Amino acid sequence: MALALLPRNAVAAGSSSGPRLAAIDWAMAETAAMLGHPPAAIAELRGLRRLLDTHVPLDTVDLGLRGSPNLEALSLVAPDLILSSNYYATFAPKLERIAPVFSQSIFVPSEPVLPKAMELIASMSERMDLPELGQNTERAAADAIASLSRRVQSWSSRPFLLIEIGDPRHVRVYGTDSLFGGMIEAIGLRNAWGAGTRFSFAAPVPMENIVQFPDAWLVITGDIPVQTENGLSRSALWNAVPPVRAGRVLRIGDMNGFGGMPSALQFARELTRSLEERG
């Protein structure tokens, strides 16, 4: 089987002939793992492990913060290739003194993310001189999306509003140009927030904006702080929101909204499971 995440926690069958990798960017790291070549070192490793259900080997080295990776540790890993993105362009010259850098950005303002996440599979496998592995993984990803689409087909006429809650009066909304917003459409569901958000998700918007979507199902991603949770339970505004009042709320846990195809599929699987539990 070529694709990570089929079944849960599986990764593609790797090859010892591939380059030794290190990753600063998480989307790049998880895509490499999906191809069966998890990096030997990853920045903010603990955080990635917490969010992602793809297997990351126990002996993986933590490179410290993504914004200021430990260059000494990176040098000791002796990678053949460093995986990065435009987020970390400012210290690219320092990385290039250690090893060649492969950088590709999938988060570009106002542009759909999901096609870029799929394209990354192909370009990374080609950079690793393993193009056939990339082709097989792309096909498996497309098959996984098609399978999930069939499972949620009965929900296709209903609108879904994807949000992350930061405080009792504000939410962030995932638009059509976000990773999760793109995936919900890929599996045949409708994003109620039918516009782009200029990036992965919109800047905080007032809670009362949700009232504009009385027929929507709310899909809450991410952990809600305890203080915020308590505030919501007492909030007249939150409890008056039509989807909340009607019980049309799904919570699917914390995931990497700035990830690659593995995170997108993880989101789709969890959403599908939640919908199937609702019948």
C-alpha atoms as a PDB file:
ATOM      1  CA  MET A   1       0.000   0.000   0.000  1.00  0.00           C
ATOM      2  CA  ALA A   2       1.485   3.305  -1.079  1.00  0.00           C
ATOM      3  CA  LEU A   3      -0.213   5.794   1.191  1.00  0.00           C
ATOM      4  CA  ALA A   4       0.228   6.784   4.767  1.00  0.00           C
ATOM      5  CA  LEU A   5      -2.956   6.818   6.814  1.00  0.00           C
ATOM      6  CA  LEU A   6      -4.509   3.720   5.209  1.00  0.00           C
ATOM      7  CA  PRO A   7      -5.057   2.230   7.731  1.00  0.00           C
ATOM      8  CA  ARG A   8      -4.482   4.641  10.579  1.00  0.00           C
ATOM      9  CA  ASN A   9      -0.800   5.210  11.390  1.00  0.00           C
ATOM     10  CA  ALA A  10       0.435   3.258   8.374  1.00  0.00           C
ATOM     11  CA  VAL A  11       3.119   4.784   6.166  1.00  0.00           C
ATOM     12  CA  ALA A  12       4.246   4.009   2.668  1.00  0.00           C
ATOM     13  CA  ALA A  13       6.809   1.284   2.312  1.00  0.00           C
ATOM     14  CA  GLY A  14      10.076   3.178   2.345  1.00  0.00           C
ATOM     15  CA  SER A  15      13.369   2.470   0.649  1.00  0.00           C
ATOM     16  CA  SER A  16      16.814   2.618   2.179  1.00  0.00           C
ATOM     17  CA  SER A  17      18.008   4.150  -1.096  1.00  0.00           C
ATOM     18  CA  GLY A  18      16.311   7.469  -0.343  1.00  0.00           C
ATOM     19  CA  PRO A  19      18.207  10.485   1.007  1.00  0.00           C
ATOM     20  CA  ARG A  20      18.637  11.150   4.716  1.00  0.00           C
ATOM     21  CA  LEU A  21      16.187  13.939   5.479  1.00  0.00           C
ATOM     22  CA  ALA A  22      15.749  16.682   8.061  1.00  0.00           C
ATOM     23  CA  ALA A  23      12.653  18.886   8.182  1.00  0.00           C
ATOM     24  CA  ILE A  24      12.028  22.386   9.461  1.00  0.00           C
ATOM     25  CA  ASP A  25       8.525  22.699   7.991  1.00  0.00           C
ATOM     26  CA  TRP A  26       5.791  20.383   9.290  1.00  0.00           C
ATOM     27  CA  ALA A  27       3.893  20.024   5.998  1.00  0.00           C
ATOM     28  CA  MET A  28       7.134  18.913   4.384  1.00  0.00           C
ATOM     29  CA  ALA A  29       7.932  16.554   7.279  1.00  0.00           C
ATOM     30  CA  GLU A  30       4.596  14.765   7.216  1.00  0.00           C
ATOM     31  CA  THR A  31       4.648  14.470   3.423  1.00  0.00           C
ATOM     32  CA  ALA A  32       8.053  12.785   3.625  1.00  0.00           C
ATOM     33  CA  ALA A  33       6.676  10.402   6.260  1.00  0.00           C
ATOM     34  CA  MET A  34       3.708   9.710   4.004  1.00  0.00           C
ATOM     35  CA  LEU A  35       6.163   8.672   1.292  1.00  0.00           C
ATOM     36  CA  GLY A  36       7.754   6.214   3.696  1.00  0.00           C
ATOM     37  CA  HIS A  37      10.856   8.346   4.302  1.00  0.00           C
ATOM     38  CA  PRO A  38      10.274  10.091   7.645  1.00  0.00           C
ATOM     39  CA  PRO A  39      12.958  12.682   8.369  1.00  0.00           C
ATOM     40  CA  ALA A  40      15.737  11.729  10.746  1.00  0.00           C
ATOM     41  CA  ALA A  41      15.238  15.097  12.437  1.00  0.00           C
ATOM     42  CA  ILE A  42      12.223  17.414  12.710  1.00  0.00           C
ATOM     43  CA  ALA A  43      11.757  20.834  14.290  1.00  0.00           C
ATOM     44  CA  GLU A  44       9.268  20.979  17.197  1.00  0.00           C
ATOM     45  CA  LEU A  45       8.958  17.213  17.047  1.00  0.00           C
ATOM     46  CA  ARG A  46       6.836  16.843  20.182  1.00  0.00           C
ATOM     47  CA  GLY A  47       4.196  19.222  18.848  1.00  0.00           C
ATOM     48  CA  LEU A  48       4.011  17.417  15.524  1.00  0.00           C
ATOM     49  CA  ARG A  49       3.644  14.034  17.221  1.00  0.00           C
ATOM     50  CA  ARG A  50       0.771  15.405  19.308  1.00  0.00           C
ATOM     51  CA  LEU A  51      -1.163  16.590  16.248  1.00  0.00           C
ATOM     52  CA  LEU A  52      -0.417  13.988  13.605  1.00  0.00           C
ATOM     53  CA  ASP A  53      -1.438  10.337  13.594  1.00  0.00           C
ATOM     54  CA  THR A  54       1.172   9.272  11.030  1.00  0.00           C
ATOM     55  CA  HIS A  55       3.997   7.277  12.603  1.00  0.00           C
ATOM     56  CA  VAL A  56       7.203   9.164  13.358  1.00  0.00           C
ATOM     57  CA  PRO A  57      10.115   6.913  14.445  1.00  0.00           C
ATOM     58  CA  LEU A  58      11.084   7.052  18.112  1.00  0.00           C
ATOM     59  CA  ASP A  59      14.719   7.848  17.312  1.00  0.00           C
ATOM     60  CA  THR A  60      13.831  11.022  15.392  1.00  0.00           C
ATOM     61  CA  VAL A  61      15.901  14.002  16.558  1.00  0.00           C
ATOM     62  CA  ASP A  62      14.120  17.155  17.754  1.00  0.00           C
ATOM     63  CA  LEU A  63      15.681  20.241  16.152  1.00  0.00           C
ATOM     64  CA  GLY A  64      14.053  22.746  18.486  1.00  0.00           C
ATOM     65  CA  LEU A  65      11.880  25.618  17.315  1.00  0.00           C
ATOM     66  CA  ARG A  66      10.875  25.881  13.684  1.00  0.00           C
ATOM     67  CA  GLY A  67      11.598  29.599  13.747  1.00  0.00           C
ATOM     68  CA  SER A  68      15.105  29.102  15.136  1.00  0.00           C
ATOM     69  CA  PRO A  69      16.216  25.492  14.681  1.00  0.00           C
ATOM     70  CA  ASN A  70      19.280  24.136  16.449  1.00  0.00           C
ATOM     71  CA  LEU A  71      21.841  24.278  13.656  1.00  0.00           C
ATOM     72  CA  GLU A  72      24.428  22.331  15.642  1.00  0.00           C
ATOM     73  CA  ALA A  73      21.999  19.441  16.116  1.00  0.00           C
ATOM     74  CA  LEU A  74      21.075  19.666  12.447  1.00  0.00           C
ATOM     75  CA  SER A  75      24.743  19.428  11.448  1.00  0.00           C
ATOM     76  CA  LEU A  76      25.229  16.359  13.642  1.00  0.00           C
ATOM     77  CA  VAL A  77      22.295  14.634  11.921  1.00  0.00           C
ATOM     78  CA  ALA A  78      24.208  15.085   8.639  1.00  0.00           C
ATOM     79  CA  PRO A  79      21.180  15.158   6.333  1.00  0.00           C
ATOM     80  CA  ASP A  80      21.443  14.757   2.576  1.00  0.00           C
ATOM     81  CA  LEU A  81      18.470  17.092   2.143  1.00  0.00           C
ATOM     82  CA  ILE A  82      16.704  19.649   4.345  1.00  0.00           C
ATOM     83  CA  LEU A  83      12.954  20.178   3.876  1.00  0.00           C
ATOM     84  CA  SER A  84      11.735  23.740   4.369  1.00  0.00           C
ATOM     85  CA  SER A  85       9.244  26.321   3.054  1.00  0.00           C
ATOM     86  CA  ASN A  86       8.823  30.042   2.473  1.00  0.00           C
ATOM     87  CA  TYR A  87       8.070  30.528   6.182  1.00  0.00           C
ATOM     88  CA  TYR A  88      11.744  29.939   6.942  1.00  0.00           C
ATOM     89  CA  ALA A  89      13.352  31.707   3.999  1.00  0.00           C
ATOM     90  CA  THR A  90      15.200  34.153   6.257  1.00  0.00           C
ATOM     91  CA  PHE A  91      17.612  31.498   7.511  1.00  0.00           C
ATOM     92  CA  ALA A  92      17.776  29.424   4.312  1.00  0.00           C
ATOM     93  CA  PRO A  93      21.423  30.442   3.696  1.00  0.00           C
ATOM     94  CA  LYS A  94      22.395  28.954   7.075  1.00  0.00           C
ATOM     95  CA  LEU A  95      20.601  25.716   6.222  1.00  0.00           C
ATOM     96  CA  GLU A  96      22.269  25.567   2.820  1.00  0.00           C
ATOM     97  CA  ARG A  97      25.680  25.576   4.484  1.00  0.00           C
ATOM     98  CA  ILE A  98      24.713  22.269   6.094  1.00  0.00           C
ATOM     99  CA  ALA A  99      22.954  20.504   3.199  1.00  0.00           C
ATOM    100  CA  PRO A 100      20.913  21.229   0.064  1.00  0.00           C
ATOM    101  CA  VAL A 101      17.469  22.650   0.851  1.00  0.00           C
ATOM    102  CA  PHE A 102      14.227  21.590  -0.822  1.00  0.00           C
ATOM    103  CA  SER A 103      11.620  24.281  -0.198  1.00  0.00           C
ATOM    104  CA  GLN A 104       8.082  24.292  -1.498  1.00  0.00           C
ATOM    105  CA  SER A 105       5.163  26.353  -0.238  1.00  0.00           C
ATOM    106  CA  ILE A 106       1.602  25.075  -0.203  1.00  0.00           C
ATOM    107  CA  PHE A 107       0.113  27.993   1.761  1.00  0.00           C
ATOM    108  CA  VAL A 108      -0.158  30.936  -0.621  1.00  0.00           C
ATOM    109  CA  PRO A 109      -2.706  33.688   0.161  1.00  0.00           C
ATOM    110  CA  SER A 110      -5.950  33.372  -1.844  1.00  0.00           C
ATOM    111  CA  GLU A 111      -4.872  30.149  -3.571  1.00  0.00           C
ATOM    112  CA  PRO A 112      -6.385  26.683  -2.910  1.00  0.00           C
ATOM    113  CA  VAL A 113      -4.178  24.650  -0.595  1.00  0.00           C
ATOM    114  CA  LEU A 114      -5.264  21.068  -1.263  1.00  0.00           C
ATOM    115  CA  PRO A 115      -4.022  20.850  -4.886  1.00  0.00           C
ATOM    116  CA  LYS A 116      -0.657  22.176  -3.726  1.00  0.00           C
ATOM    117  CA  ALA A 117      -0.528  19.537  -0.979  1.00  0.00           C
ATOM    118  CA  MET A 118      -1.092  16.867  -3.622  1.00  0.00           C
ATOM    119  CA  GLU A 119       1.510  18.413  -5.940  1.00  0.00           C
ATOM    120  CA  LEU A 120       4.023  18.339  -3.093  1.00  0.00           C
ATOM    121  CA  ILE A 121       3.836  14.541  -3.027  1.00  0.00           C
ATOM    122  CA  ALA A 122       4.994  14.389  -6.640  1.00  0.00           C
ATOM    123  CA  SER A 123       7.661  17.079  -6.430  1.00  0.00           C
ATOM    124  CA  MET A 124       9.160  15.690  -3.223  1.00  0.00           C
ATOM    125  CA  SER A 125       9.319  12.155  -4.568  1.00  0.00           C
ATOM    126  CA  GLU A 126      11.009  13.463  -7.716  1.00  0.00           C
ATOM    127  CA  ARG A 127      13.509  15.423  -5.629  1.00  0.00           C
ATOM    128  CA  MET A 128      14.252  12.177  -3.794  1.00  0.00           C
ATOM    129  CA  ASP A 129      14.636  10.337  -7.148  1.00  0.00           C
ATOM    130  CA  LEU A 130      11.646   8.141  -6.289  1.00  0.00           C
ATOM    131  CA  PRO A 131       9.018   9.327  -8.807  1.00  0.00           C
ATOM    132  CA  GLU A 132       7.126   6.027  -8.939  1.00  0.00           C
ATOM    133  CA  LEU A 133       6.599   6.110  -5.174  1.00  0.00           C
ATOM    134  CA  GLY A 134       5.102   9.578  -5.546  1.00  0.00           C
ATOM    135  CA  GLN A 135       2.759   8.462  -8.303  1.00  0.00           C
ATOM    136  CA  ASN A 136       1.544   5.509  -6.242  1.00  0.00           C
ATOM    137  CA  THR A 137       1.031   7.706  -3.193  1.00  0.00           C
ATOM    138  CA  GLU A 138      -0.924  10.294  -5.180  1.00  0.00           C
ATOM    139  CA  ARG A 139      -3.221   7.569  -6.517  1.00  0.00           C
ATOM    140  CA  ALA A 140      -3.749   6.173  -3.038  1.00  0.00           C
ATOM    141  CA  ALA A 141      -4.555   9.646  -1.697  1.00  0.00           C
ATOM    142  CA  ALA A 142      -7.114  10.159  -4.453  1.00  0.00           C
ATOM    143  CA  ASP A 143      -8.612   6.738  -3.675  1.00  0.00           C
ATOM    144  CA  ALA A 144      -8.849   7.630   0.018  1.00  0.00           C
ATOM    145  CA  ILE A 145     -10.647  10.880  -0.793  1.00  0.00           C
ATOM    146  CA  ALA A 146     -13.077   9.040  -3.077  1.00  0.00           C
ATOM    147  CA  SER A 147     -13.777   6.444  -0.376  1.00  0.00           C
ATOM    148  CA  LEU A 148     -14.486   9.103   2.248  1.00  0.00           C
ATOM    149  CA  SER A 149     -16.691  10.958  -0.222  1.00  0.00           C
ATOM    150  CA  ARG A 150     -18.878   7.885  -0.668  1.00  0.00           C
ATOM    151  CA  ARG A 151     -19.228   7.501   3.095  1.00  0.00           C
ATOM    152  CA  VAL A 152     -20.521  11.068   3.586  1.00  0.00           C
ATOM    153  CA  GLN A 153     -22.612  11.289   0.422  1.00  0.00           C
ATOM    154  CA  SER A 154     -25.872  11.503   2.361  1.00  0.00           C
ATOM    155  CA  TRP A 155     -24.620  14.728   3.993  1.00  0.00           C
ATOM    156  CA  SER A 156     -23.706  16.482   0.746  1.00  0.00           C
ATOM    157  CA  SER A 157     -26.669  18.888   0.735  1.00  0.00           C
ATOM    158  CA  ARG A 158     -25.937  20.317   4.186  1.00  0.00           C
ATOM    159  CA  PRO A 159     -23.655  23.298   4.853  1.00  0.00           C
ATOM    160  CA  PHE A 160     -20.729  22.965   7.258  1.00  0.00           C
ATOM    161  CA  LEU A 161     -18.997  25.841   9.009  1.00  0.00           C
ATOM    162  CA  LEU A 162     -15.448  24.986  10.082  1.00  0.00           C
ATOM    163  CA  ILE A 163     -14.284  27.006  13.066  1.00  0.00           C
ATOM    164  CA  GLU A 164     -11.646  27.210  15.749  1.00  0.00           C
ATOM    165  CA  ILE A 165     -12.626  28.866  19.030  1.00  0.00           C
ATOM    166  CA  GLY A 166     -10.152  31.127  20.782  1.00  0.00           C
ATOM    167  CA  ASP A 167     -12.323  32.941  23.317  1.00  0.00           C
ATOM    168  CA  PRO A 168     -16.046  33.109  24.179  1.00  0.00           C
ATOM    169  CA  ARG A 169     -16.694  35.973  21.753  1.00  0.00           C
ATOM    170  CA  HIS A 170     -14.530  35.185  18.720  1.00  0.00           C
ATOM    171  CA  VAL A 171     -13.913  32.330  16.298  1.00  0.00           C
ATOM    172  CA  ARG A 172     -11.589  31.667  13.384  1.00  0.00           C
ATOM    173  CA  VAL A 173     -13.238  30.342  10.246  1.00  0.00           C
ATOM    174  CA  TYR A 174     -11.660  27.990   7.716  1.00  0.00           C
ATOM    175  CA  GLY A 175     -12.479  29.236   4.222  1.00  0.00           C
ATOM    176  CA  THR A 176     -12.314  27.600   0.826  1.00  0.00           C
ATOM    177  CA  ASP A 177      -8.617  28.430   0.520  1.00  0.00           C
ATOM    178  CA  SER A 178      -7.629  26.559   3.698  1.00  0.00           C
ATOM    179  CA  LEU A 179      -6.384  22.980   4.001  1.00  0.00           C
ATOM    180  CA  PHE A 180      -9.491  21.776   5.845  1.00  0.00           C
ATOM    181  CA  GLY A 181     -11.859  23.909   3.771  1.00  0.00           C
ATOM    182  CA  GLY A 182     -10.405  22.417   0.619  1.00  0.00           C
ATOM    183  CA  MET A 183     -10.699  18.876   1.927  1.00  0.00           C
ATOM    184  CA  ILE A 184     -14.330  19.235   2.990  1.00  0.00           C
ATOM    185  CA  GLU A 185     -15.157  20.194  -0.592  1.00  0.00           C
ATOM    186  CA  ALA A 186     -12.968  17.393  -1.969  1.00  0.00           C
ATOM    187  CA  ILE A 187     -15.091  14.793  -0.165  1.00  0.00           C
ATOM    188  CA  GLY A 188     -18.259  16.330  -1.568  1.00  0.00           C
ATOM    189  CA  LEU A 189     -19.456  18.454   1.342  1.00  0.00           C
ATOM    190  CA  ARG A 190     -20.290  22.161   1.288  1.00  0.00           C
ATOM    191  CA  ASN A 191     -18.305  24.791   3.152  1.00  0.00           C
ATOM    192  CA  ALA A 192     -20.846  27.308   4.428  1.00  0.00           C
ATOM    193  CA  TRP A 193     -18.133  29.970   4.462  1.00  0.00           C
ATOM    194  CA  GLY A 194     -18.114  30.028   0.677  1.00  0.00           C
ATOM    195  CA  ALA A 195     -15.302  32.517   0.270  1.00  0.00           C
ATOM    196  CA  GLY A 196     -11.584  32.502   0.698  1.00  0.00           C
ATOM    197  CA  THR A 197      -9.948  33.798   3.835  1.00  0.00           C
ATOM    198  CA  ARG A 198      -6.663  35.005   2.329  1.00  0.00           C
ATOM    199  CA  PHE A 199      -4.840  32.289   4.223  1.00  0.00           C
ATOM    200  CA  SER A 200      -5.303  29.099   6.213  1.00  0.00           C
ATOM    201  CA  PHE A 201      -8.169  30.603   8.161  1.00  0.00           C
ATOM    202  CA  ALA A 202      -9.723  33.999   8.713  1.00  0.00           C
ATOM    203  CA  ALA A 203      -8.661  36.455  11.332  1.00  0.00           C
ATOM    204  CA  PRO A 204     -10.876  36.254  14.426  1.00  0.00           C
ATOM    205  CA  VAL A 205     -14.459  37.169  13.633  1.00  0.00           C
ATOM    206  CA  PRO A 206     -17.174  38.015  16.168  1.00  0.00           C
ATOM    207  CA  MET A 207     -19.167  35.065  17.452  1.00  0.00           C
ATOM    208  CA  GLU A 208     -22.397  36.695  16.293  1.00  0.00           C
ATOM    209  CA  ASN A 209     -21.296  36.185  12.674  1.00  0.00           C
ATOM    210  CA  ILE A 210     -22.193  32.516  13.051  1.00  0.00           C
ATOM    211  CA  VAL A 211     -25.838  33.559  13.292  1.00  0.00           C
ATOM    212  CA  GLN A 212     -25.659  34.204   9.541  1.00  0.00           C
ATOM    213  CA  PHE A 213     -25.559  30.420   9.019  1.00  0.00           C
ATOM    214  CA  PRO A 214     -28.678  29.134  10.808  1.00  0.00           C
ATOM    215  CA  ASP A 215     -28.825  25.873   8.842  1.00  0.00           C
ATOM    216  CA  ALA A 216     -25.148  24.974   9.102  1.00  0.00           C
ATOM    217  CA  TRP A 217     -23.439  22.261  11.078  1.00  0.00           C
ATOM    218  CA  LEU A 218     -20.599  23.654  13.172  1.00  0.00           C
ATOM    219  CA  VAL A 219     -17.354  21.687  12.981  1.00  0.00           C
ATOM    220  CA  ILE A 220     -15.032  22.768  15.786  1.00  0.00           C
ATOM    221  CA  THR A 221     -11.366  21.927  15.333  1.00  0.00           C
ATOM    222  CA  GLY A 222      -8.744  22.265  18.012  1.00  0.00           C
ATOM    223  CA  ASP A 223      -8.826  22.042  21.770  1.00  0.00           C
ATOM    224  CA  ILE A 224     -10.868  24.700  23.542  1.00  0.00           C
ATOM    225  CA  PRO A 225      -9.173  26.192  26.630  1.00  0.00           C
ATOM    226  CA  VAL A 226     -10.973  25.266  29.855  1.00  0.00           C
ATOM    227  CA  GLN A 227     -11.667  28.900  30.715  1.00  0.00           C
ATOM    228  CA  THR A 228     -13.161  29.464  27.260  1.00  0.00           C
ATOM    229  CA  GLU A 229     -15.212  26.267  27.530  1.00  0.00           C
ATOM    230  CA  ASN A 230     -16.654  27.439  30.827  1.00  0.00           C
ATOM    231  CA  GLY A 231     -17.388  30.841  29.342  1.00  0.00           C
ATOM    232  CA  LEU A 232     -19.213  29.308  26.385  1.00  0.00           C
ATOM    233  CA  SER A 233     -21.413  27.187  28.618  1.00  0.00           C
ATOM    234  CA  ARG A 234     -22.634  30.380  30.308  1.00  0.00           C
ATOM    235  CA  SER A 235     -22.748  32.530  27.170  1.00  0.00           C
ATOM    236  CA  ALA A 236     -26.215  33.607  26.077  1.00  0.00           C
ATOM    237  CA  LEU A 237     -24.758  34.496  22.681  1.00  0.00           C
ATOM    238  CA  TRP A 238     -23.214  31.059  22.096  1.00  0.00           C
ATOM    239  CA  ASN A 239     -26.281  29.196  23.291  1.00  0.00           C
ATOM    240  CA  ALA A 240     -28.475  31.323  21.029  1.00  0.00           C
ATOM    241  CA  VAL A 241     -26.510  30.405  17.887  1.00  0.00           C
ATOM    242  CA  PRO A 242     -28.974  28.307  15.822  1.00  0.00           C
ATOM    243  CA  PRO A 243     -26.643  25.331  15.170  1.00  0.00           C
ATOM    244  CA  VAL A 244     -25.702  25.222  18.861  1.00  0.00           C
ATOM    245  CA  ARG A 245     -29.318  25.449  19.980  1.00  0.00           C
ATOM    246  CA  ALA A 246     -30.235  22.660  17.541  1.00  0.00           C
ATOM    247  CA  GLY A 247     -27.351  20.416  18.612  1.00  0.00           C
ATOM    248  CA  ARG A 248     -25.636  20.562  15.221  1.00  0.00           C
ATOM    249  CA  VAL A 249     -22.104  20.769  16.602  1.00  0.00           C
ATOM    250  CA  LEU A 250     -19.231  18.373  15.878  1.00  0.00           C
ATOM    251  CA  ARG A 251     -15.884  18.452  17.672  1.00  0.00           C
ATOM    252  CA  ILE A 252     -12.986  16.679  16.022  1.00  0.00           C
ATOM    253  CA  GLY A 253      -9.977  17.565  18.130  1.00  0.00           C
ATOM    254  CA  ASP A 254      -6.689  19.309  17.530  1.00  0.00           C
ATOM    255  CA  MET A 255      -5.050  18.888  14.116  1.00  0.00           C
ATOM    256  CA  ASN A 256      -2.445  20.584  11.981  1.00  0.00           C
ATOM    257  CA  GLY A 257      -4.225  23.146   9.835  1.00  0.00           C
ATOM    258  CA  PHE A 258      -0.866  24.055   8.288  1.00  0.00           C
ATOM    259  CA  GLY A 259       0.003  20.486   7.335  1.00  0.00           C
ATOM    260  CA  GLY A 260       0.070  18.559   4.094  1.00  0.00           C
ATOM    261  CA  MET A 261      -2.007  15.741   2.657  1.00  0.00           C
ATOM    262  CA  PRO A 262      -1.639  13.541   5.787  1.00  0.00           C
ATOM    263  CA  SER A 263      -3.255  16.227   7.967  1.00  0.00           C
ATOM    264  CA  ALA A 264      -5.938  16.856   5.350  1.00  0.00           C
ATOM    265  CA  LEU A 265      -6.843  13.163   5.256  1.00  0.00           C
ATOM    266  CA  GLN A 266      -6.727  12.924   9.044  1.00  0.00           C
ATOM    267  CA  PHE A 267      -9.243  15.775   9.221  1.00  0.00           C
ATOM    268  CA  ALA A 268     -11.480  14.109   6.619  1.00  0.00           C
ATOM    269  CA  ARG A 269     -11.397  10.771   8.429  1.00  0.00           C
ATOM    270  CA  GLU A 270     -12.287  12.314  11.779  1.00  0.00           C
ATOM    271  CA  LEU A 271     -15.098  14.361  10.255  1.00  0.00           C
ATOM    272  CA  THR A 272     -16.435  11.286   8.451  1.00  0.00           C
ATOM    273  CA  ARG A 273     -16.342   9.265  11.664  1.00  0.00           C
ATOM    274  CA  SER A 274     -18.223  12.007  13.531  1.00  0.00           C
ATOM    275  CA  LEU A 275     -20.898  12.192  10.834  1.00  0.00           C
ATOM    276  CA  GLU A 276     -21.337   8.424  10.781  1.00  0.00           C
ATOM    277  CA  GLU A 277     -21.795   8.434  14.552  1.00  0.00           C
ATOM    278  CA  ARG A 278     -24.605  10.954  14.072  1.00  0.00           C
ATOM    279  CA  GLY A 279     -26.207   8.640  11.531  1.00  0.00           C
END
